[in-house]
């Protein structure tokens, strides 16, 4: 008798999981890059405002 694989181990759901984790990783890198740029602008604005 054939028994289905345990939940989460089906072959078709694995690539989706891998793809979503890769997408999440790319998103994280993008967010960190944007945050670096924002920190840079934040510093520039701070110095500009407190220079007078």
PDB file of N, CA and C in Angstrom:
ATOM      1  N   UNK A   1       0.836  -1.198   0.000  1.00  0.00           N
ATOM      2  CA  UNK A   1       0.000   0.000   0.000  1.00  0.00           C
ATOM      3  C   UNK A   1       0.877   1.256   0.000  1.00  0.00           C
ATOM      4  N   UNK A   2       0.519   2.200  -0.849  1.00  0.00           N
ATOM      5  CA  UNK A   2       1.326   3.422  -0.952  1.00  0.00           C
ATOM      6  C   UNK A   2       0.875   4.448   0.074  1.00  0.00           C
ATOM      7  N   UNK A   3       1.821   4.954   0.841  1.00  0.00           N
ATOM      8  CA  UNK A   3       1.474   5.988   1.824  1.00  0.00           C
ATOM      9  C   UNK A   3       2.055   7.327   1.381  1.00  0.00           C
ATOM     10  N   UNK A   4       1.312   8.400   1.502  1.00  0.00           N
ATOM     11  CA  UNK A   4       1.799   9.724   1.100  1.00  0.00           C
ATOM     12  C   UNK A   4       2.959  10.163   1.977  1.00  0.00           C
ATOM     13  N   UNK A   5       3.861  10.978   1.456  1.00  0.00           N
ATOM     14  CA  UNK A   5       4.983  11.482   2.256  1.00  0.00           C
ATOM     15  C   UNK A   5       4.477  12.378   3.372  1.00  0.00           C
ATOM     16  N   UNK A   6       5.238  12.504   4.447  1.00  0.00           N
ATOM     17  CA  UNK A   6       4.828  13.378   5.545  1.00  0.00           C
ATOM     18  C   UNK A   6       4.649  14.823   5.088  1.00  0.00           C
ATOM     19  N   UNK A   7       3.892  15.563   5.844  1.00  0.00           N
ATOM     20  CA  UNK A   7       3.598  16.952   5.469  1.00  0.00           C
ATOM     21  C   UNK A   7       4.882  17.781   5.385  1.00  0.00           C
ATOM     22  N   UNK A   8       5.021  18.539   4.300  1.00  0.00           N
ATOM     23  CA  UNK A   8       6.191  19.392   4.137  1.00  0.00           C
ATOM     24  C   UNK A   8       7.320  18.720   3.378  1.00  0.00           C
ATOM     25  N   UNK A   9       7.157  17.420   3.050  1.00  0.00           N
ATOM     26  CA  UNK A   9       8.227  16.727   2.338  1.00  0.00           C
ATOM     27  C   UNK A   9       7.834  16.366   0.915  1.00  0.00           C
ATOM     28  N   UNK A  10       6.706  16.873   0.428  1.00  0.00           N
ATOM     29  CA  UNK A  10       6.312  16.575  -0.941  1.00  0.00           C
ATOM     30  C   UNK A  10       7.274  17.276  -1.896  1.00  0.00           C
ATOM     31  N   UNK A  11       7.560  16.625  -3.027  1.00  0.00           N
ATOM     32  CA  UNK A  11       8.588  17.128  -3.934  1.00  0.00           C
ATOM     33  C   UNK A  11       8.204  18.464  -4.568  1.00  0.00           C
ATOM     34  N   UNK A  12       6.902  18.678  -4.791  1.00  0.00           N
ATOM     35  CA  UNK A  12       6.511  19.886  -5.497  1.00  0.00           C
ATOM     36  C   UNK A  12       6.554  21.124  -4.602  1.00  0.00           C
ATOM     37  N   UNK A  13       6.537  20.943  -3.296  1.00  0.00           N
ATOM     38  CA  UNK A  13       6.556  22.102  -2.403  1.00  0.00           C
ATOM     39  C   UNK A  13       7.983  22.542  -2.081  1.00  0.00           C
ATOM     40  N   UNK A  14       8.957  21.695  -2.380  1.00  0.00           N
ATOM     41  CA  UNK A  14      10.344  22.042  -2.031  1.00  0.00           C
ATOM     42  C   UNK A  14      10.881  23.201  -2.875  1.00  0.00           C
ATOM     43  N   UNK A  15      10.750  23.149  -4.218  1.00  0.00           N
ATOM     44  CA  UNK A  15      11.263  24.268  -5.022  1.00  0.00           C
ATOM     45  C   UNK A  15      10.612  25.597  -4.646  1.00  0.00           C
ATOM     46  N   UNK A  16       9.327  25.552  -4.313  1.00  0.00           N
ATOM     47  CA  UNK A  16       8.628  26.774  -3.904  1.00  0.00           C
ATOM     48  C   UNK A  16       9.267  27.345  -2.645  1.00  0.00           C
ATOM     49  N   UNK A  17       9.581  26.457  -1.707  1.00  0.00           N
ATOM     50  CA  UNK A  17      10.209  26.877  -0.453  1.00  0.00           C
ATOM     51  C   UNK A  17      11.573  27.488  -0.742  1.00  0.00           C
ATOM     52  N   UNK A  18      12.352  26.826  -1.609  1.00  0.00           N
ATOM     53  CA  UNK A  18      13.686  27.329  -1.951  1.00  0.00           C
ATOM     54  C   UNK A  18      13.579  28.686  -2.640  1.00  0.00           C
ATOM     55  N   UNK A  19      12.617  28.801  -3.560  1.00  0.00           N
ATOM     56  CA  UNK A  19      12.448  30.057  -4.294  1.00  0.00           C
ATOM     57  C   UNK A  19      12.046  31.182  -3.348  1.00  0.00           C
ATOM     58  N   UNK A  20      11.149  30.880  -2.417  1.00  0.00           N
ATOM     59  CA  UNK A  20      10.685  31.922  -1.500  1.00  0.00           C
ATOM     60  C   UNK A  20      11.807  32.346  -0.560  1.00  0.00           C
ATOM     61  N   UNK A  21      12.640  31.397  -0.143  1.00  0.00           N
ATOM     62  CA  UNK A  21      13.748  31.762   0.748  1.00  0.00           C
ATOM     63  C   UNK A  21      14.773  32.602  -0.011  1.00  0.00           C
ATOM     64  N   UNK A  22      14.981  32.275  -1.292  1.00  0.00           N
ATOM     65  CA  UNK A  22      15.907  33.068  -2.098  1.00  0.00           C
ATOM     66  C   UNK A  22      15.359  34.478  -2.278  1.00  0.00           C
ATOM     67  N   UNK A  23      14.045  34.568  -2.508  1.00  0.00           N
ATOM     68  CA  UNK A  23      13.412  35.870  -2.674  1.00  0.00           C
ATOM     69  C   UNK A  23      13.525  36.682  -1.392  1.00  0.00           C
ATOM     70  N   UNK A  24      13.327  36.013  -0.263  1.00  0.00           N
ATOM     71  CA  UNK A  24      13.438  36.690   1.026  1.00  0.00           C
ATOM     72  C   UNK A  24      14.861  37.198   1.235  1.00  0.00           C
ATOM     73  N   UNK A  25      15.848  36.397   0.801  1.00  0.00           N
ATOM     74  CA  UNK A  25      17.245  36.811   0.953  1.00  0.00           C
ATOM     75  C   UNK A  25      17.528  38.047   0.103  1.00  0.00           C
ATOM     76  N   UNK A  26      17.036  38.034  -1.156  1.00  0.00           N
ATOM     77  CA  UNK A  26      17.232  39.197  -2.021  1.00  0.00           C
ATOM     78  C   UNK A  26      16.574  40.432  -1.425  1.00  0.00           C
ATOM     79  N   UNK A  27      15.363  40.240  -0.883  1.00  0.00           N
ATOM     80  CA  UNK A  27      14.637  41.356  -0.282  1.00  0.00           C
ATOM     81  C   UNK A  27      15.415  41.926   0.888  1.00  0.00           C
ATOM     82  N   UNK A  28      16.000  41.024   1.695  1.00  0.00           N
ATOM     83  CA  UNK A  28      16.761  41.460   2.861  1.00  0.00           C
ATOM     84  C   UNK A  28      17.966  42.289   2.425  1.00  0.00           C
ATOM     85  N   UNK A  29      18.669  41.815   1.369  1.00  0.00           N
ATOM     86  CA  UNK A  29      19.832  42.561   0.877  1.00  0.00           C
ATOM     87  C   UNK A  29      19.406  43.933   0.365  1.00  0.00           C
ATOM     88  N   UNK A  30      18.271  43.963  -0.358  1.00  0.00           N
ATOM     89  CA  UNK A  30      17.775  45.228  -0.892  1.00  0.00           C
ATOM     90  C   UNK A  30      17.453  46.194   0.241  1.00  0.00           C
ATOM     91  N   UNK A  31      16.798  45.690   1.275  1.00  0.00           N
ATOM     92  CA  UNK A  31      16.414  46.529   2.410  1.00  0.00           C
ATOM     93  C   UNK A  31      17.652  47.077   3.105  1.00  0.00           C
ATOM     94  N   UNK A  32      18.680  46.241   3.272  1.00  0.00           N
ATOM     95  CA  UNK A  32      19.888  46.712   3.957  1.00  0.00           C
ATOM     96  C   UNK A  32      20.586  47.779   3.118  1.00  0.00           C
ATOM     97  N   UNK A  33      20.545  47.627   1.780  1.00  0.00           N
ATOM     98  CA  UNK A  33      21.159  48.627   0.915  1.00  0.00           C
ATOM     99  C   UNK A  33      20.409  49.953   1.032  1.00  0.00           C
ATOM    100  N   UNK A  34      19.080  49.886   1.005  1.00  0.00           N
ATOM    101  CA  UNK A  34      18.268  51.097   1.135  1.00  0.00           C
ATOM    102  C   UNK A  34      18.506  51.751   2.488  1.00  0.00           C
ATOM    103  N   UNK A  35      18.648  50.914   3.517  1.00  0.00           N
ATOM    104  CA  UNK A  35      18.863  51.452   4.864  1.00  0.00           C
ATOM    105  C   UNK A  35      20.205  52.173   4.935  1.00  0.00           C
ATOM    106  N   UNK A  36      21.227  51.634   4.256  1.00  0.00           N
ATOM    107  CA  UNK A  36      22.534  52.307   4.241  1.00  0.00           C
ATOM    108  C   UNK A  36      22.414  53.673   3.579  1.00  0.00           C
ATOM    109  N   UNK A  37      21.716  53.718   2.432  1.00  0.00           N
ATOM    110  CA  UNK A  37      21.528  54.998   1.748  1.00  0.00           C
ATOM    111  C   UNK A  37      20.764  55.969   2.634  1.00  0.00           C
ATOM    112  N   UNK A  38      19.740  55.464   3.327  1.00  0.00           N
ATOM    113  CA  UNK A  38      18.930  56.317   4.194  1.00  0.00           C
ATOM    114  C   UNK A  38      19.777  56.864   5.334  1.00  0.00           C
ATOM    115  N   UNK A  39      20.640  56.018   5.910  1.00  0.00           N
ATOM    116  CA  UNK A  39      21.522  56.480   6.983  1.00  0.00           C
ATOM    117  C   UNK A  39      22.435  57.588   6.474  1.00  0.00           C
ATOM    118  N   UNK A  40      22.913  57.436   5.250  1.00  0.00           N
ATOM    119  CA  UNK A  40      23.790  58.446   4.665  1.00  0.00           C
ATOM    120  C   UNK A  40      23.046  59.773   4.534  1.00  0.00           C
ATOM    121  N   UNK A  41      21.833  59.726   3.971  1.00  0.00           N
ATOM    122  CA  UNK A  41      21.047  60.948   3.822  1.00  0.00           C
ATOM    123  C   UNK A  41      20.679  61.529   5.175  1.00  0.00           C
ATOM    124  N   UNK A  42      20.401  60.652   6.138  1.00  0.00           N
ATOM    125  CA  UNK A  42      20.044  61.104   7.481  1.00  0.00           C
ATOM    126  C   UNK A  42      21.192  61.908   8.081  1.00  0.00           C
ATOM    127  N   UNK A  43      22.408  61.416   7.893  1.00  0.00           N
ATOM    128  CA  UNK A  43      23.584  62.108   8.420  1.00  0.00           C
ATOM    129  C   UNK A  43      23.753  63.461   7.734  1.00  0.00           C
ATOM    130  N   UNK A  44      23.576  63.480   6.412  1.00  0.00           N
ATOM    131  CA  UNK A  44      23.728  64.728   5.662  1.00  0.00           C
ATOM    132  C   UNK A  44      22.707  65.762   6.131  1.00  0.00           C
ATOM    133  N   UNK A  45      21.444  65.322   6.262  1.00  0.00           N
ATOM    134  CA  UNK A  45      20.397  66.247   6.713  1.00  0.00           C
ATOM    135  C   UNK A  45      20.667  66.732   8.128  1.00  0.00           C
ATOM    136  N   UNK A  46      21.126  65.820   8.981  1.00  0.00           N
ATOM    137  CA  UNK A  46      21.405  66.181  10.372  1.00  0.00           C
ATOM    138  C   UNK A  46      22.488  67.254  10.432  1.00  0.00           C
ATOM    139  N   UNK A  47      23.567  67.043   9.672  1.00  0.00           N
ATOM    140  CA  UNK A  47      24.660  68.017   9.674  1.00  0.00           C
ATOM    141  C   UNK A  47      24.205  69.338   9.074  1.00  0.00           C
ATOM    142  N   UNK A  48      23.372  69.270   8.037  1.00  0.00           N
ATOM    143  CA  UNK A  48      22.890  70.497   7.396  1.00  0.00           C
ATOM    144  C   UNK A  48      21.998  71.287   8.351  1.00  0.00           C
ATOM    145  N   UNK A  49      21.149  70.591   9.089  1.00  0.00           N
ATOM    146  CA  UNK A  49      20.223  71.276   9.992  1.00  0.00           C
ATOM    147  C   UNK A  49      20.937  71.854  11.203  1.00  0.00           C
ATOM    148  N   UNK A  50      21.950  71.158  11.689  1.00  0.00           N
ATOM    149  CA  UNK A  50      22.613  71.594  12.915  1.00  0.00           C
ATOM    150  C   UNK A  50      23.873  72.408  12.647  1.00  0.00           C
ATOM    151  N   UNK A  51      24.061  72.794  11.384  1.00  0.00           N
ATOM    152  CA  UNK A  51      25.267  73.545  11.035  1.00  0.00           C
ATOM    153  C   UNK A  51      25.055  75.036  11.263  1.00  0.00           C
ATOM    154  N   UNK A  52      23.804  75.484  11.174  1.00  0.00           N
ATOM    155  CA  UNK A  52      23.536  76.922  11.278  1.00  0.00           C
ATOM    156  C   UNK A  52      23.705  77.423  12.704  1.00  0.00           C
TER     157      UNK A  52
END
